[in-house]
Amino acid sequence: MKVLSCNSNRPIAEAISKYLNIPLTSASIRRFSDMEVFVEINENVRGEDVFVIQSTSFPANDNLMELLVTLDALRRGSARRITAVLPYFGYARQDRKSGPRTPISAKLVANLITEAGADRVLTLDLHAGQIQGFFDIPLDNLYAEPVFSKEINNRYNGDDLMVVSPDVGGVFRARSIAKIIDADLAIIDKRRERAGESEVMNIIGEVKDRRCLLVDDIIDSAGTLCNAATALMDAGASAVSAFVTHGVLSGGAVARVTASPMETLVTTDSILATDAVHGAHNIDQLSVAPLIAEAMHRIADERSVSSLFD
């Protein structure tokens, strides 16, 4: 078993390497002067079971190309099996046609990863479950619920908790955490007027005097969650926190979160945190490296991954 890291999120790769007690494979991944990607594997990988760690987060196209070129280098180096480990799967929100003459980019990315040489894929909290069907190779989709539920129990044990889904589409995810921590569930019905903006319309459930925990898979512009937090506080909630797997936090998102009524935003380290995130007083990161590393170990040993969540 070999573990190789591309450049998008070295800290999580190093944490995975430490958990597995396997050093990262030596490789040179660099740019030519015209910004073309060049990859050279400095170790023999012939006949090896290789795991390539790369989040396709911002800059998504550069990081995706790094992954594809690395997969090709490993395939041509005669690796026995190549697993693409994507803590964050970019383009996942483009999982259907949003109108006439629009692409399904998530399917295209799945095809590219497969054609580049991946034999299987390991990822975390896909935005839509049906993306698993976009791949014609095995895909293991991990869930952050165990990491979040443990943190929630440690932080808020004994509080009157209410898990809140910020939209109807996220109810399944919120219900899963609510079941684990034995809490009630509320739903926010929102209407999005234009891309990147959202307007909170209605709260389904009684949140007065409850500590509300917003649960979602991606926070990008932060408009949805900040508006949801404001609506919950206006409805009488005692406090509002958010637990989100992937902290994209683009543009002015960090400023919105710090200015919002959210007590804490907790994300995972699936995406490398920026300096702004590190400097925010109400944004924390949990590591999913042990979860991903354990899944990788089980894949290498041909053991069940789904039993991690039993």
Protein backbone atom coordinates (compact mmCIF):
# COMPACT_ATOMS: atom_id res chain seq x y z
CA MET A 1 0.00 0.00 0.00
CA LYS A 2 1.31 3.42 -0.99
CA VAL A 3 -0.16 6.86 -0.21
CA LEU A 4 0.54 9.77 -2.56
CA SER A 5 -0.55 13.36 -2.05
CA CYS A 6 -1.19 16.01 -4.67
CA ASN A 7 -0.97 19.70 -3.68
CA SER A 8 -4.52 20.82 -2.85
CA ASN A 9 -4.56 19.67 0.79
CA ARG A 10 -1.21 18.46 2.07
CA PRO A 11 -2.12 18.70 5.79
CA ILE A 12 -4.92 16.11 5.56
CA ALA A 13 -2.66 13.81 3.51
CA GLU A 14 0.06 14.09 6.16
CA ALA A 15 -2.49 13.36 8.91
CA ILE A 16 -3.71 10.29 6.99
CA SER A 17 -0.10 9.16 6.49
CA LYS A 18 0.59 9.53 10.21
CA TYR A 19 -2.57 7.57 11.15
CA LEU A 20 -1.64 4.72 8.80
CA ASN A 21 2.04 4.89 9.80
CA ILE A 22 2.93 4.90 6.10
CA PRO A 23 5.19 7.65 4.69
CA LEU A 24 3.87 9.65 1.75
CA THR A 25 5.23 8.43 -1.58
CA SER A 26 7.89 10.73 -3.00
CA ALA A 27 6.61 12.56 -6.07
CA SER A 28 7.28 15.79 -7.89
CA ILE A 29 4.10 17.64 -8.89
CA ARG A 30 4.94 21.00 -10.37
CA ARG A 31 4.08 23.55 -13.07
CA PHE A 32 5.98 24.47 -16.18
CA SER A 33 6.36 28.18 -16.97
CA ASP A 34 3.16 28.12 -19.02
CA MET A 35 1.36 26.51 -16.00
CA GLU A 36 1.06 23.04 -17.53
CA VAL A 37 1.07 20.34 -14.84
CA PHE A 38 3.97 17.89 -14.71
CA VAL A 39 4.09 14.84 -12.43
CA GLU A 40 6.98 12.49 -11.72
CA ILE A 41 6.71 9.59 -9.27
CA ASN A 42 10.11 9.13 -7.59
CA GLU A 43 9.46 5.62 -6.27
CA ASN A 44 8.70 2.28 -7.88
CA VAL A 45 4.90 1.70 -7.90
CA ARG A 46 4.81 -1.41 -10.10
CA GLY A 47 2.29 -3.88 -8.67
CA GLU A 48 1.40 -1.55 -5.76
CA ASP A 49 -1.98 -0.59 -4.30
CA VAL A 50 -1.78 3.21 -4.53
CA PHE A 51 -4.05 5.83 -2.93
CA VAL A 52 -3.94 9.36 -4.40
CA ILE A 53 -5.26 12.10 -2.08
CA GLN A 54 -6.57 15.26 -3.75
CA SER A 55 -9.51 17.56 -2.99
CA THR A 56 -10.80 19.21 -6.16
CA SER A 57 -11.52 22.47 -4.35
CA PHE A 58 -10.52 26.01 -5.41
CA PRO A 59 -8.84 26.34 -7.84
CA ALA A 60 -10.98 23.42 -8.97
CA ASN A 61 -9.69 23.08 -12.52
CA ASP A 62 -6.01 23.18 -11.53
CA ASN A 63 -6.52 20.65 -8.75
CA LEU A 64 -8.58 18.37 -10.97
CA MET A 65 -5.89 18.45 -13.67
CA GLU A 66 -3.23 17.63 -11.07
CA LEU A 67 -5.26 14.58 -10.05
CA LEU A 68 -5.81 13.40 -13.63
CA VAL A 69 -2.14 13.71 -14.61
CA THR A 70 -1.08 11.92 -11.40
CA LEU A 71 -3.50 9.07 -12.10
CA ASP A 72 -2.09 8.73 -15.62
CA ALA A 73 1.48 8.70 -14.30
CA LEU A 74 0.61 5.90 -11.86
CA ARG A 75 -1.19 3.87 -14.53
CA ARG A 76 1.78 4.14 -16.87
CA GLY A 77 4.00 3.20 -13.92
CA SER A 78 2.12 -0.15 -13.73
CA ALA A 79 0.44 0.37 -10.35
CA ARG A 80 -1.74 -2.68 -9.63
CA ARG A 81 -4.70 -0.67 -8.31
CA ILE A 82 -5.22 3.09 -8.08
CA THR A 83 -7.74 4.63 -5.68
CA ALA A 84 -8.57 8.33 -6.08
CA VAL A 85 -9.24 9.72 -2.59
CA LEU A 86 -11.24 12.94 -2.89
CA PRO A 87 -12.08 14.39 0.55
CA TYR A 88 -14.04 17.04 -1.40
CA PHE A 89 -15.48 16.20 -4.82
CA GLY A 90 -15.63 19.42 -6.85
CA TYR A 91 -18.35 19.98 -9.47
CA ALA A 92 -20.72 17.85 -7.36
CA ARG A 93 -23.40 20.56 -7.40
CA GLN A 94 -23.62 20.31 -11.20
CA ASP A 95 -25.29 16.91 -10.99
CA ARG A 96 -28.24 17.56 -13.33
CA LYS A 97 -29.27 19.78 -16.22
CA SER A 98 -30.39 23.09 -14.72
CA GLY A 99 -31.88 24.23 -18.01
CA PRO A 100 -31.74 23.60 -21.74
CA ARG A 101 -28.26 23.27 -23.29
CA THR A 102 -26.49 23.01 -19.91
CA PRO A 103 -23.94 20.34 -18.93
CA ILE A 104 -23.94 17.67 -16.23
CA SER A 105 -20.40 18.46 -15.17
CA ALA A 106 -20.28 15.98 -12.28
CA LYS A 107 -20.75 13.15 -14.79
CA LEU A 108 -18.01 14.57 -17.03
CA VAL A 109 -15.60 14.74 -14.06
CA ALA A 110 -16.48 11.13 -13.15
CA ASN A 111 -15.65 10.06 -16.72
CA LEU A 112 -12.35 11.96 -16.66
CA ILE A 113 -11.25 10.36 -13.37
CA THR A 114 -12.14 6.90 -14.66
CA GLU A 115 -10.43 7.36 -18.03
CA ALA A 116 -7.30 8.82 -16.39
CA GLY A 117 -6.72 5.50 -14.65
CA ALA A 118 -8.57 5.33 -11.31
CA ASP A 119 -9.77 1.83 -10.41
CA ARG A 120 -11.94 3.05 -7.54
CA VAL A 121 -12.89 6.27 -5.75
CA LEU A 122 -13.15 7.17 -2.07
CA THR A 123 -14.91 10.42 -1.18
CA LEU A 124 -16.72 12.17 1.67
CA ASP A 125 -20.32 13.43 1.85
CA LEU A 126 -21.17 13.69 -1.83
CA HIS A 127 -23.57 16.57 -2.48
CA ALA A 128 -26.00 14.18 -4.16
CA GLY A 129 -26.08 10.43 -3.68
CA GLN A 130 -26.84 9.76 -7.34
CA ILE A 131 -23.29 10.88 -8.27
CA GLN A 132 -22.21 7.40 -7.15
CA GLY A 133 -24.00 6.13 -10.25
CA PHE A 134 -22.01 8.48 -12.50
CA PHE A 135 -18.98 6.23 -11.99
CA ASP A 136 -18.58 2.85 -13.68
CA ILE A 137 -15.96 1.90 -11.08
CA PRO A 138 -16.50 1.18 -7.35
CA LEU A 139 -17.07 4.28 -5.20
CA ASP A 140 -17.14 4.49 -1.40
CA ASN A 141 -18.96 7.54 -0.04
CA LEU A 142 -18.07 8.25 3.58
CA TYR A 143 -20.21 10.31 5.96
CA ALA A 144 -19.11 12.94 8.48
CA GLU A 145 -21.98 12.12 10.87
CA PRO A 146 -19.83 10.10 13.33
CA VAL A 147 -17.30 12.94 13.58
CA PHE A 148 -19.99 15.59 14.03
CA SER A 149 -22.16 13.62 16.46
CA LYS A 150 -19.17 12.94 18.72
CA GLU A 151 -18.27 16.65 18.72
CA ILE A 152 -21.89 17.67 19.38
CA ASN A 153 -22.14 15.30 22.36
CA ASN A 154 -18.87 16.64 23.75
CA ARG A 155 -19.86 20.30 23.32
CA TYR A 156 -23.57 20.34 24.09
CA ASN A 157 -24.22 17.30 26.27
CA GLY A 158 -27.43 17.93 28.21
CA ASP A 159 -28.56 20.96 26.19
CA ASP A 160 -32.04 21.07 24.64
CA LEU A 161 -30.90 20.48 21.06
CA MET A 162 -32.78 20.93 17.80
CA VAL A 163 -31.14 19.81 14.55
CA VAL A 164 -32.15 22.06 11.65
CA SER A 165 -31.91 21.39 7.92
CA PRO A 166 -31.36 24.69 6.05
CA ASP A 167 -33.38 23.41 3.07
CA VAL A 168 -35.71 20.59 2.13
CA GLY A 169 -32.98 18.79 0.14
CA GLY A 170 -30.80 18.33 3.23
CA VAL A 171 -33.44 16.69 5.42
CA PHE A 172 -31.99 13.18 5.10
CA ARG A 173 -28.54 14.35 6.27
CA ALA A 174 -29.97 16.34 9.19
CA ARG A 175 -32.27 13.48 10.20
CA SER A 176 -29.29 11.10 10.37
CA ILE A 177 -27.47 13.30 12.88
CA ALA A 178 -30.68 14.00 14.82
CA LYS A 179 -31.20 10.25 15.19
CA ILE A 180 -27.64 9.65 16.41
CA ILE A 181 -27.75 12.40 19.08
CA ASP A 182 -31.44 11.78 19.91
CA ALA A 183 -32.60 15.31 19.06
CA ASP A 184 -35.65 16.81 17.33
CA LEU A 185 -35.63 17.96 13.72
CA ALA A 186 -36.72 21.25 12.14
CA ILE A 187 -36.64 22.33 8.50
CA ILE A 188 -36.20 25.74 6.91
CA ASP A 189 -38.14 26.41 3.73
CA LYS A 190 -36.22 28.95 1.68
CA ARG A 191 -36.70 30.63 -1.66
CA ARG A 192 -33.59 31.45 -3.71
CA GLU A 193 -34.15 34.59 -5.79
CA ARG A 194 -30.87 34.35 -7.74
CA ALA A 195 -27.66 32.30 -7.72
CA GLY A 196 -25.53 32.97 -4.64
CA GLU A 197 -28.35 34.59 -2.69
CA SER A 198 -31.07 33.04 -0.56
CA GLU A 199 -34.05 34.25 1.42
CA VAL A 200 -35.34 32.41 4.46
CA MET A 201 -39.09 32.07 4.29
CA ASN A 202 -40.48 29.70 6.88
CA ILE A 203 -39.36 27.48 9.77
CA ILE A 204 -41.11 24.12 10.07
CA GLY A 205 -40.82 23.10 13.72
CA GLU A 206 -40.78 24.79 17.15
CA VAL A 207 -37.34 26.27 17.87
CA LYS A 208 -38.18 28.70 20.71
CA ASP A 209 -35.68 28.42 23.60
CA ARG A 210 -33.82 25.56 21.84
CA ARG A 211 -30.13 25.36 20.93
CA CYS A 212 -30.30 24.94 17.15
CA LEU A 213 -27.69 23.05 15.13
CA LEU A 214 -27.76 23.72 11.39
CA VAL A 215 -26.46 20.73 9.40
CA ASP A 216 -25.38 20.83 5.74
CA ASP A 217 -22.80 19.34 3.38
CA ILE A 218 -21.38 22.49 1.74
CA ILE A 219 -21.05 26.11 2.81
CA ASP A 220 -20.00 28.31 -0.10
CA SER A 221 -21.18 31.94 -0.07
CA ALA A 222 -22.63 31.34 3.45
CA GLY A 223 -25.78 33.29 2.55
CA THR A 224 -28.11 30.35 3.19
CA LEU A 225 -26.72 29.48 6.62
CA CYS A 226 -26.37 33.08 7.81
CA ASN A 227 -29.96 33.90 6.80
CA ALA A 228 -31.10 30.66 8.44
CA ALA A 229 -29.28 31.56 11.66
CA THR A 230 -30.89 35.00 11.69
CA ALA A 231 -34.35 33.49 11.11
CA LEU A 232 -33.85 30.96 13.93
CA MET A 233 -32.74 33.64 16.40
CA ASP A 234 -35.72 35.81 15.37
CA ALA A 235 -37.95 32.78 16.06
CA GLY A 236 -36.67 32.60 19.64
CA ALA A 237 -33.80 30.08 19.47
CA SER A 238 -31.44 30.33 22.44
CA ALA A 239 -28.33 29.85 20.25
CA VAL A 240 -27.43 28.73 16.73
CA SER A 241 -24.39 26.76 15.58
CA ALA A 242 -23.68 25.06 12.24
CA PHE A 243 -21.98 21.79 11.34
CA VAL A 244 -20.99 21.62 7.66
CA THR A 245 -18.76 19.00 6.05
CA HIS A 246 -17.10 21.05 3.30
CA GLY A 247 -16.09 24.63 4.04
CA VAL A 248 -15.75 26.11 0.55
CA LEU A 249 -16.23 29.63 2.00
CA SER A 250 -15.67 31.60 -1.20
CA GLY A 251 -15.72 35.37 -1.66
CA GLY A 252 -16.92 37.23 1.43
CA ALA A 253 -18.25 34.11 3.15
CA VAL A 254 -15.94 34.30 6.19
CA ALA A 255 -16.92 37.92 6.84
CA ARG A 256 -20.61 36.96 6.63
CA VAL A 257 -20.13 34.13 9.12
CA THR A 258 -18.23 36.28 11.62
CA ALA A 259 -20.90 39.00 11.39
CA SER A 260 -23.80 36.55 11.69
CA PRO A 261 -25.59 35.44 14.88
CA MET A 262 -23.98 31.99 14.52
CA GLU A 263 -22.20 31.05 17.74
CA THR A 264 -19.91 28.59 15.94
CA LEU A 265 -19.45 27.20 12.44
CA VAL A 266 -17.79 23.78 12.55
CA THR A 267 -16.39 22.38 9.28
CA THR A 268 -14.02 19.52 8.48
CA ASP A 269 -10.54 19.69 6.99
CA SER A 270 -11.69 18.19 3.68
CA ILE A 271 -10.75 21.56 2.13
CA LEU A 272 -7.57 23.37 3.14
CA ALA A 273 -8.46 26.30 5.41
CA THR A 274 -7.46 29.78 4.30
CA ASP A 275 -5.81 32.39 6.54
CA ALA A 276 -9.20 34.12 6.83
CA VAL A 277 -10.76 30.91 8.18
CA HIS A 278 -7.95 30.43 10.68
CA GLY A 279 -8.40 34.02 11.85
CA ALA A 280 -12.19 33.85 12.29
CA HIS A 281 -13.29 33.76 15.94
CA ASN A 282 -16.33 31.55 15.34
CA ILE A 283 -15.08 29.00 12.76
CA ASP A 284 -13.61 25.67 13.94
CA GLN A 285 -12.29 22.69 11.97
CA LEU A 286 -12.56 19.00 12.82
CA SER A 287 -10.27 16.46 11.21
CA VAL A 288 -11.76 13.67 9.10
CA ALA A 289 -8.28 12.23 8.45
CA PRO A 290 -8.78 9.28 10.87
CA LEU A 291 -12.10 8.41 9.19
CA ILE A 292 -10.63 8.53 5.67
CA ALA A 293 -7.45 6.71 6.76
CA GLU A 294 -9.45 3.89 8.35
CA ALA A 295 -11.51 3.53 5.16
CA MET A 296 -8.32 3.39 3.09
CA HIS A 297 -6.90 0.73 5.41
CA ARG A 298 -10.04 -1.37 5.03
CA ILE A 299 -10.02 -1.02 1.24
CA ALA A 300 -6.37 -2.14 1.13
CA ASP A 301 -7.24 -5.15 3.32
CA GLU A 302 -10.39 -5.93 1.26
CA ARG A 303 -12.60 -5.39 4.33
CA SER A 304 -16.00 -3.73 4.67
CA VAL A 305 -16.08 0.07 4.63
CA SER A 306 -19.82 0.40 5.34
CA SER A 307 -19.35 -1.26 8.75
CA LEU A 308 -17.57 1.95 9.85
CA PHE A 309 -21.04 3.45 10.20
CA ASP A 310 -22.84 0.54 11.89
